[in-house]
């Protein structure tokens, strides 16, 4: 090799270029960002970087029609038969996540453009046993909330979320509709949902005994006896009317 092609001794090697993703495309660039300087006292839980996925899997084994969700104390789509991923799922938010009470009453899930009210009968389950949570938003339609579980801080925040969820909704206390690699013991009343109590009209005190001045004549005791006999047969009553529909929790 000629001397002209050799690098002079002590010459600094040429600088090599390295390529990195732009900040907006690198999901790790926002990891570990600090929470706002001051969170509202209404914030129940905050996470700096979460992802929410909307999905609606098709039920492979729906519950029988004789056991409609309106008959239960809480809605039940199906039990341990759905996949918690879907080919048609879509990411609807990748942003800081808050669980927040508005005016001290209703709790809301807020993440990017997602704002969802958490009602009393809202249900949620941890589907991977670690840090993926599924929130039921309406029949057979769900949000999957994914948060990191890598660093010690990540794990602490996951633990905080698992503590916060039971304070605002039914977390892991109702039958899970999804197939999981593990099982969670549920309260006995959750395995066999209680049926709602039938509604009965309140009896008015002045209607128990009809007025003594009846057009048919007769003594008050006779009138009272006839009225009781008629009521016992169920005549002119609303029979089996119930308020199951009125008491059923609103769909989300």
C-alpha atoms as a PDB file:
ATOM      1  CA  UNK A   1       0.000   0.000   0.000  1.00  0.00           C
ATOM      2  CA  UNK A   2       1.397   3.401  -0.915  1.00  0.00           C
ATOM      3  CA  UNK A   3       2.335   5.886   1.758  1.00  0.00           C
ATOM      4  CA  UNK A   4      -0.293   8.333   0.438  1.00  0.00           C
ATOM      5  CA  UNK A   5      -3.123   5.977   1.400  1.00  0.00           C
ATOM      6  CA  UNK A   6      -1.971   5.447   4.944  1.00  0.00           C
ATOM      7  CA  UNK A   7      -3.465   7.555   7.742  1.00  0.00           C
ATOM      8  CA  UNK A   8      -0.900   9.711   9.493  1.00  0.00           C
ATOM      9  CA  UNK A   9      -0.025   8.536  12.971  1.00  0.00           C
ATOM     10  CA  UNK A  10      -2.044  10.341  15.650  1.00  0.00           C
ATOM     11  CA  UNK A  11      -4.731  11.617  13.294  1.00  0.00           C
ATOM     12  CA  UNK A  12      -8.212  11.797  14.837  1.00  0.00           C
ATOM     13  CA  UNK A  13     -10.562   9.174  13.326  1.00  0.00           C
ATOM     14  CA  UNK A  14     -13.449  10.509  11.257  1.00  0.00           C
ATOM     15  CA  UNK A  15     -16.700  11.173  13.119  1.00  0.00           C
ATOM     16  CA  UNK A  16     -19.499   8.713  12.369  1.00  0.00           C
ATOM     17  CA  UNK A  17     -23.106   9.779  12.165  1.00  0.00           C
ATOM     18  CA  UNK A  18     -25.787   8.181  14.313  1.00  0.00           C
ATOM     19  CA  UNK A  19     -29.471   8.283  13.530  1.00  0.00           C
ATOM     20  CA  UNK A  20     -32.200   8.695  16.184  1.00  0.00           C
ATOM     21  CA  UNK A  21     -35.945   8.992  16.031  1.00  0.00           C
ATOM     22  CA  UNK A  22     -37.418  12.491  16.228  1.00  0.00           C
ATOM     23  CA  UNK A  23     -38.657  13.341  19.690  1.00  0.00           C
ATOM     24  CA  UNK A  24     -42.327  13.189  18.672  1.00  0.00           C
ATOM     25  CA  UNK A  25     -41.911   9.681  17.246  1.00  0.00           C
ATOM     26  CA  UNK A  26     -39.946   8.242  20.131  1.00  0.00           C
ATOM     27  CA  UNK A  27     -42.357   6.992  22.817  1.00  0.00           C
ATOM     28  CA  UNK A  28     -39.563   6.737  25.364  1.00  0.00           C
ATOM     29  CA  UNK A  29     -38.785  10.436  25.136  1.00  0.00           C
ATOM     30  CA  UNK A  30     -41.815  11.271  27.276  1.00  0.00           C
ATOM     31  CA  UNK A  31     -41.252   8.508  29.795  1.00  0.00           C
ATOM     32  CA  UNK A  32     -40.486   9.591  33.303  1.00  0.00           C
ATOM     33  CA  UNK A  33     -41.786  13.114  32.790  1.00  0.00           C
ATOM     34  CA  UNK A  34     -42.662  14.757  36.053  1.00  0.00           C
ATOM     35  CA  UNK A  35     -46.319  15.383  36.974  1.00  0.00           C
ATOM     36  CA  UNK A  36     -47.627  18.954  36.944  1.00  0.00           C
ATOM     37  CA  UNK A  37     -46.233  21.157  39.675  1.00  0.00           C
ATOM     38  CA  UNK A  38     -49.551  21.074  41.503  1.00  0.00           C
ATOM     39  CA  UNK A  39     -52.296  18.506  40.985  1.00  0.00           C
ATOM     40  CA  UNK A  40     -55.861  19.342  41.887  1.00  0.00           C
ATOM     41  CA  UNK A  41     -57.106  17.820  45.119  1.00  0.00           C
ATOM     42  CA  UNK A  42     -59.799  16.147  43.019  1.00  0.00           C
ATOM     43  CA  UNK A  43     -57.218  14.040  41.148  1.00  0.00           C
ATOM     44  CA  UNK A  44     -57.411  10.460  42.436  1.00  0.00           C
ATOM     45  CA  UNK A  45     -54.610   9.105  40.234  1.00  0.00           C
ATOM     46  CA  UNK A  46     -52.141  10.549  37.726  1.00  0.00           C
ATOM     47  CA  UNK A  47     -49.800   8.855  35.262  1.00  0.00           C
ATOM     48  CA  UNK A  48     -47.499  10.807  32.936  1.00  0.00           C
ATOM     49  CA  UNK A  49     -47.632   8.371  30.010  1.00  0.00           C
ATOM     50  CA  UNK A  50     -50.491   5.976  29.300  1.00  0.00           C
ATOM     51  CA  UNK A  51     -52.126   4.460  26.242  1.00  0.00           C
ATOM     52  CA  UNK A  52     -55.829   3.800  25.784  1.00  0.00           C
ATOM     53  CA  UNK A  53     -57.051   1.323  23.176  1.00  0.00           C
ATOM     54  CA  UNK A  54     -60.699   1.056  22.132  1.00  0.00           C
ATOM     55  CA  UNK A  55     -61.850  -2.451  21.176  1.00  0.00           C
ATOM     56  CA  UNK A  56     -65.064  -4.408  20.782  1.00  0.00           C
ATOM     57  CA  UNK A  57     -64.541  -8.177  20.515  1.00  0.00           C
ATOM     58  CA  UNK A  58     -67.395 -10.360  19.356  1.00  0.00           C
ATOM     59  CA  UNK A  59     -68.849 -12.568  22.078  1.00  0.00           C
ATOM     60  CA  UNK A  60     -68.227 -16.233  21.312  1.00  0.00           C
ATOM     61  CA  UNK A  61     -70.483 -17.479  24.105  1.00  0.00           C
ATOM     62  CA  UNK A  62     -72.992 -14.800  25.136  1.00  0.00           C
ATOM     63  CA  UNK A  63     -74.937 -15.248  28.324  1.00  0.00           C
ATOM     64  CA  UNK A  64     -78.398 -16.816  27.931  1.00  0.00           C
ATOM     65  CA  UNK A  65     -81.254 -14.503  27.013  1.00  0.00           C
ATOM     66  CA  UNK A  66     -83.072 -15.590  30.175  1.00  0.00           C
ATOM     67  CA  UNK A  67     -80.300 -13.941  32.193  1.00  0.00           C
ATOM     68  CA  UNK A  68     -80.282 -10.509  30.607  1.00  0.00           C
ATOM     69  CA  UNK A  69     -77.982  -7.906  32.184  1.00  0.00           C
ATOM     70  CA  UNK A  70     -81.014  -5.936  33.372  1.00  0.00           C
ATOM     71  CA  UNK A  71     -81.823  -8.798  35.761  1.00  0.00           C
ATOM     72  CA  UNK A  72     -78.544  -8.412  37.655  1.00  0.00           C
ATOM     73  CA  UNK A  73     -77.150  -5.897  40.114  1.00  0.00           C
ATOM     74  CA  UNK A  74     -74.496  -5.104  37.508  1.00  0.00           C
ATOM     75  CA  UNK A  75     -74.227  -5.729  33.764  1.00  0.00           C
ATOM     76  CA  UNK A  76     -72.610  -8.975  32.599  1.00  0.00           C
ATOM     77  CA  UNK A  77     -71.561  -9.380  28.961  1.00  0.00           C
ATOM     78  CA  UNK A  78     -70.122 -12.891  29.177  1.00  0.00           C
ATOM     79  CA  UNK A  79     -67.745 -14.795  31.440  1.00  0.00           C
ATOM     80  CA  UNK A  80     -64.120 -15.667  30.621  1.00  0.00           C
ATOM     81  CA  UNK A  81     -64.696 -16.138  26.901  1.00  0.00           C
ATOM     82  CA  UNK A  82     -63.533 -12.941  25.155  1.00  0.00           C
ATOM     83  CA  UNK A  83     -60.022 -12.096  23.917  1.00  0.00           C
ATOM     84  CA  UNK A  84     -58.704  -8.869  25.398  1.00  0.00           C
ATOM     85  CA  UNK A  85     -57.186  -7.907  22.055  1.00  0.00           C
ATOM     86  CA  UNK A  86     -59.031  -7.357  18.801  1.00  0.00           C
ATOM     87  CA  UNK A  87     -58.038  -7.153  15.139  1.00  0.00           C
ATOM     88  CA  UNK A  88     -60.150  -4.015  14.823  1.00  0.00           C
ATOM     89  CA  UNK A  89     -58.888  -2.260  17.953  1.00  0.00           C
ATOM     90  CA  UNK A  90     -57.574   1.280  17.671  1.00  0.00           C
ATOM     91  CA  UNK A  91     -55.468   3.513  19.878  1.00  0.00           C
ATOM     92  CA  UNK A  92     -57.529   6.524  20.922  1.00  0.00           C
ATOM     93  CA  UNK A  93     -55.091   8.232  23.304  1.00  0.00           C
ATOM     94  CA  UNK A  94     -51.407   8.297  24.182  1.00  0.00           C
ATOM     95  CA  UNK A  95     -51.022  10.951  26.850  1.00  0.00           C
ATOM     96  CA  UNK A  96     -50.951  11.633  30.589  1.00  0.00           C
ATOM     97  CA  UNK A  97     -53.829   9.917  32.360  1.00  0.00           C
ATOM     98  CA  UNK A  98     -55.953  11.217  35.215  1.00  0.00           C
ATOM     99  CA  UNK A  99     -58.702   9.757  37.339  1.00  0.00           C
ATOM    100  CA  UNK A 100     -60.472  12.820  38.658  1.00  0.00           C
ATOM    101  CA  UNK A 101     -63.637  13.650  40.559  1.00  0.00           C
ATOM    102  CA  UNK A 102     -65.579  16.577  39.182  1.00  0.00           C
ATOM    103  CA  UNK A 103     -67.096  18.719  41.926  1.00  0.00           C
ATOM    104  CA  UNK A 104     -66.534  15.832  44.328  1.00  0.00           C
ATOM    105  CA  UNK A 105     -69.223  13.689  42.690  1.00  0.00           C
ATOM    106  CA  UNK A 106     -68.718  11.739  39.458  1.00  0.00           C
ATOM    107  CA  UNK A 107     -65.254  10.403  38.666  1.00  0.00           C
ATOM    108  CA  UNK A 108     -63.869  10.770  35.152  1.00  0.00           C
ATOM    109  CA  UNK A 109     -61.142   9.047  33.186  1.00  0.00           C
ATOM    110  CA  UNK A 110     -59.199  11.693  31.240  1.00  0.00           C
ATOM    111  CA  UNK A 111     -56.442  10.890  28.768  1.00  0.00           C
ATOM    112  CA  UNK A 112     -55.803  12.994  25.679  1.00  0.00           C
ATOM    113  CA  UNK A 113     -59.113  13.334  23.841  1.00  0.00           C
ATOM    114  CA  UNK A 114     -60.733  10.601  25.950  1.00  0.00           C
ATOM    115  CA  UNK A 115     -63.069  11.828  28.688  1.00  0.00           C
ATOM    116  CA  UNK A 116     -65.207   9.024  30.131  1.00  0.00           C
ATOM    117  CA  UNK A 117     -67.513   9.134  33.146  1.00  0.00           C
ATOM    118  CA  UNK A 118     -66.955   6.416  35.753  1.00  0.00           C
ATOM    119  CA  UNK A 119     -70.360   5.374  37.086  1.00  0.00           C
ATOM    120  CA  UNK A 120     -71.186   3.327  40.173  1.00  0.00           C
ATOM    121  CA  UNK A 121     -71.535   0.076  38.236  1.00  0.00           C
ATOM    122  CA  UNK A 122     -68.491   0.602  35.996  1.00  0.00           C
ATOM    123  CA  UNK A 123     -66.302  -2.513  35.929  1.00  0.00           C
ATOM    124  CA  UNK A 124     -62.575  -3.001  35.383  1.00  0.00           C
ATOM    125  CA  UNK A 125     -60.156  -5.941  35.300  1.00  0.00           C
ATOM    126  CA  UNK A 126     -56.385  -6.414  35.020  1.00  0.00           C
ATOM    127  CA  UNK A 127     -56.122  -8.720  32.017  1.00  0.00           C
ATOM    128  CA  UNK A 128     -52.390  -9.474  31.869  1.00  0.00           C
ATOM    129  CA  UNK A 129     -51.812  -9.718  35.610  1.00  0.00           C
ATOM    130  CA  UNK A 130     -49.372  -6.785  35.444  1.00  0.00           C
ATOM    131  CA  UNK A 131     -50.257  -3.404  33.980  1.00  0.00           C
ATOM    132  CA  UNK A 132     -52.958  -3.731  31.335  1.00  0.00           C
ATOM    133  CA  UNK A 133     -56.449  -2.864  32.545  1.00  0.00           C
ATOM    134  CA  UNK A 134     -59.752  -3.157  30.700  1.00  0.00           C
ATOM    135  CA  UNK A 135     -62.641  -0.823  31.496  1.00  0.00           C
ATOM    136  CA  UNK A 136     -66.140  -1.718  30.304  1.00  0.00           C
ATOM    137  CA  UNK A 137     -67.697   1.330  28.646  1.00  0.00           C
ATOM    138  CA  UNK A 138     -70.870  -0.279  27.222  1.00  0.00           C
ATOM    139  CA  UNK A 139     -72.051  -3.789  26.252  1.00  0.00           C
ATOM    140  CA  UNK A 140     -69.167  -5.675  24.622  1.00  0.00           C
ATOM    141  CA  UNK A 141     -67.178  -2.461  24.160  1.00  0.00           C
ATOM    142  CA  UNK A 142     -64.107  -1.621  26.218  1.00  0.00           C
ATOM    143  CA  UNK A 143     -61.110   0.615  26.814  1.00  0.00           C
ATOM    144  CA  UNK A 144     -57.786  -1.110  27.428  1.00  0.00           C
ATOM    145  CA  UNK A 145     -55.533   1.069  29.561  1.00  0.00           C
ATOM    146  CA  UNK A 146     -51.845   0.263  29.179  1.00  0.00           C
ATOM    147  CA  UNK A 147     -49.178   1.779  31.402  1.00  0.00           C
ATOM    148  CA  UNK A 148     -45.445   0.930  31.596  1.00  0.00           C
ATOM    149  CA  UNK A 149     -44.098  -1.631  34.070  1.00  0.00           C
ATOM    150  CA  UNK A 150     -40.318  -1.466  33.719  1.00  0.00           C
ATOM    151  CA  UNK A 151     -38.704   0.841  36.254  1.00  0.00           C
ATOM    152  CA  UNK A 152     -39.316   0.959  39.994  1.00  0.00           C
ATOM    153  CA  UNK A 153     -41.279   4.178  39.489  1.00  0.00           C
ATOM    154  CA  UNK A 154     -43.428   2.422  36.866  1.00  0.00           C
ATOM    155  CA  UNK A 155     -44.202  -0.381  39.291  1.00  0.00           C
ATOM    156  CA  UNK A 156     -45.081   2.098  42.037  1.00  0.00           C
ATOM    157  CA  UNK A 157     -47.556   3.864  39.779  1.00  0.00           C
ATOM    158  CA  UNK A 158     -49.138   0.555  38.743  1.00  0.00           C
ATOM    159  CA  UNK A 159     -49.628  -0.236  42.427  1.00  0.00           C
ATOM    160  CA  UNK A 160     -51.163   3.186  43.013  1.00  0.00           C
ATOM    161  CA  UNK A 161     -53.641   2.601  40.186  1.00  0.00           C
ATOM    162  CA  UNK A 162     -54.683  -0.764  41.635  1.00  0.00           C
ATOM    163  CA  UNK A 163     -55.371   1.004  44.935  1.00  0.00           C
ATOM    164  CA  UNK A 164     -57.295   3.865  43.298  1.00  0.00           C
ATOM    165  CA  UNK A 165     -59.589   1.839  41.046  1.00  0.00           C
ATOM    166  CA  UNK A 166     -61.659   0.118  43.794  1.00  0.00           C
ATOM    167  CA  UNK A 167     -62.521   3.535  45.245  1.00  0.00           C
ATOM    168  CA  UNK A 168     -64.443   4.615  42.143  1.00  0.00           C
ATOM    169  CA  UNK A 169     -65.697   1.450  40.416  1.00  0.00           C
ATOM    170  CA  UNK A 170     -66.014  -2.345  40.646  1.00  0.00           C
ATOM    171  CA  UNK A 171     -62.426  -3.547  40.219  1.00  0.00           C
ATOM    172  CA  UNK A 172     -61.892  -7.325  40.120  1.00  0.00           C
ATOM    173  CA  UNK A 173     -65.109  -8.019  42.044  1.00  0.00           C
ATOM    174  CA  UNK A 174     -67.300  -9.068  39.100  1.00  0.00           C
ATOM    175  CA  UNK A 175     -66.888 -11.992  36.665  1.00  0.00           C
ATOM    176  CA  UNK A 176     -64.230 -11.142  34.102  1.00  0.00           C
ATOM    177  CA  UNK A 177     -65.469 -11.431  30.495  1.00  0.00           C
ATOM    178  CA  UNK A 178     -61.942 -12.086  29.192  1.00  0.00           C
ATOM    179  CA  UNK A 179     -59.821 -15.201  28.906  1.00  0.00           C
ATOM    180  CA  UNK A 180     -56.804 -14.804  31.189  1.00  0.00           C
ATOM    181  CA  UNK A 181     -53.834 -16.951  32.138  1.00  0.00           C
ATOM    182  CA  UNK A 182     -54.774 -16.685  35.792  1.00  0.00           C
ATOM    183  CA  UNK A 183     -57.856 -16.571  37.984  1.00  0.00           C
ATOM    184  CA  UNK A 184     -59.029 -14.118  40.603  1.00  0.00           C
ATOM    185  CA  UNK A 185     -61.159 -15.245  43.518  1.00  0.00           C
ATOM    186  CA  UNK A 186     -64.406 -13.306  43.650  1.00  0.00           C
ATOM    187  CA  UNK A 187     -66.908 -12.778  46.445  1.00  0.00           C
ATOM    188  CA  UNK A 188     -69.615 -15.436  46.506  1.00  0.00           C
ATOM    189  CA  UNK A 189     -72.332 -12.960  45.566  1.00  0.00           C
ATOM    190  CA  UNK A 190     -70.336 -11.943  42.493  1.00  0.00           C
ATOM    191  CA  UNK A 191     -70.288 -15.477  41.093  1.00  0.00           C
ATOM    192  CA  UNK A 192     -74.112 -15.650  41.256  1.00  0.00           C
ATOM    193  CA  UNK A 193     -75.369 -12.082  40.738  1.00  0.00           C
ATOM    194  CA  UNK A 194     -78.322 -11.177  42.912  1.00  0.00           C
ATOM    195  CA  UNK A 195     -81.586 -10.581  41.128  1.00  0.00           C
ATOM    196  CA  UNK A 196     -83.258  -7.249  41.734  1.00  0.00           C
ATOM    197  CA  UNK A 197     -86.107  -7.115  44.199  1.00  0.00           C
ATOM    198  CA  UNK A 198     -89.513  -6.726  42.560  1.00  0.00           C
ATOM    199  CA  UNK A 199     -91.134  -3.337  42.935  1.00  0.00           C
ATOM    200  CA  UNK A 200     -94.420  -3.047  44.755  1.00  0.00           C
ATOM    201  CA  UNK A 201     -96.587   0.063  45.010  1.00  0.00           C
ATOM    202  CA  UNK A 202     -96.737   1.696  48.404  1.00  0.00           C
ATOM    203  CA  UNK A 203    -100.058   1.295  50.159  1.00  0.00           C
ATOM    204  CA  UNK A 204    -101.787   4.480  51.151  1.00  0.00           C
ATOM    205  CA  UNK A 205    -103.133   4.522  54.677  1.00  0.00           C
ATOM    206  CA  UNK A 206    -106.469   5.987  53.597  1.00  0.00           C
ATOM    207  CA  UNK A 207    -106.914   3.238  50.994  1.00  0.00           C
ATOM    208  CA  UNK A 208    -106.619   0.310  53.374  1.00  0.00           C
ATOM    209  CA  UNK A 209    -110.185   0.669  54.515  1.00  0.00           C
ATOM    210  CA  UNK A 210    -112.781   2.092  52.120  1.00  0.00           C
ATOM    211  CA  UNK A 211    -115.093   4.772  53.417  1.00  0.00           C
ATOM    212  CA  UNK A 212    -117.975   3.492  55.510  1.00  0.00           C
ATOM    213  CA  UNK A 213    -120.491   5.446  53.474  1.00  0.00           C
ATOM    214  CA  UNK A 214    -120.576   2.980  50.623  1.00  0.00           C
ATOM    215  CA  UNK A 215    -123.287   3.127  47.968  1.00  0.00           C
ATOM    216  CA  UNK A 216    -123.923  -0.558  48.547  1.00  0.00           C
ATOM    217  CA  UNK A 217    -124.850   0.032  52.122  1.00  0.00           C
ATOM    218  CA  UNK A 218    -123.660  -2.509  54.678  1.00  0.00           C
ATOM    219  CA  UNK A 219    -121.594  -2.064  57.818  1.00  0.00           C
ATOM    220  CA  UNK A 220    -117.918  -0.981  57.780  1.00  0.00           C
ATOM    221  CA  UNK A 221    -116.855  -4.459  58.910  1.00  0.00           C
ATOM    222  CA  UNK A 222    -118.670  -6.086  55.981  1.00  0.00           C
ATOM    223  CA  UNK A 223    -117.220  -3.595  53.514  1.00  0.00           C
ATOM    224  CA  UNK A 224    -113.715  -4.189  54.917  1.00  0.00           C
ATOM    225  CA  UNK A 225    -114.113  -7.963  54.595  1.00  0.00           C
ATOM    226  CA  UNK A 226    -115.326  -7.727  51.001  1.00  0.00           C
ATOM    227  CA  UNK A 227    -112.446  -5.441  50.086  1.00  0.00           C
ATOM    228  CA  UNK A 228    -109.836  -7.779  51.585  1.00  0.00           C
ATOM    229  CA  UNK A 229    -111.313 -10.753  49.714  1.00  0.00           C
ATOM    230  CA  UNK A 230    -111.160  -8.810  46.446  1.00  0.00           C
ATOM    231  CA  UNK A 231    -107.555  -7.699  47.052  1.00  0.00           C
ATOM    232  CA  UNK A 232    -106.442 -11.242  47.845  1.00  0.00           C
ATOM    233  CA  UNK A 233    -107.555 -12.445  44.428  1.00  0.00           C
ATOM    234  CA  UNK A 234    -105.387  -9.892  42.658  1.00  0.00           C
ATOM    235  CA  UNK A 235    -108.250  -8.135  40.942  1.00  0.00           C
ATOM    236  CA  UNK A 236    -107.512  -4.687  39.535  1.00  0.00           C
ATOM    237  CA  UNK A 237    -103.840  -4.884  40.514  1.00  0.00           C
ATOM    238  CA  UNK A 238    -100.655  -4.592  38.466  1.00  0.00           C
ATOM    239  CA  UNK A 239     -99.676  -8.188  39.209  1.00  0.00           C
ATOM    240  CA  UNK A 240     -96.073  -8.967  38.282  1.00  0.00           C
ATOM    241  CA  UNK A 241     -95.045  -5.476  37.238  1.00  0.00           C
ATOM    242  CA  UNK A 242     -91.477  -4.751  38.312  1.00  0.00           C
ATOM    243  CA  UNK A 243     -89.107  -1.823  38.063  1.00  0.00           C
ATOM    244  CA  UNK A 244     -86.122  -3.810  36.822  1.00  0.00           C
ATOM    245  CA  UNK A 245     -85.841  -1.559  33.795  1.00  0.00           C
ATOM    246  CA  UNK A 246     -86.028   1.573  35.896  1.00  0.00           C
ATOM    247  CA  UNK A 247     -83.393   0.331  38.313  1.00  0.00           C
ATOM    248  CA  UNK A 248     -81.058  -1.017  35.673  1.00  0.00           C
ATOM    249  CA  UNK A 249     -77.796   0.976  35.619  1.00  0.00           C
ATOM    250  CA  UNK A 250     -77.449   3.334  32.672  1.00  0.00           C
ATOM    251  CA  UNK A 251     -75.274   2.052  29.864  1.00  0.00           C
ATOM    252  CA  UNK A 252     -72.094   3.917  29.276  1.00  0.00           C
END
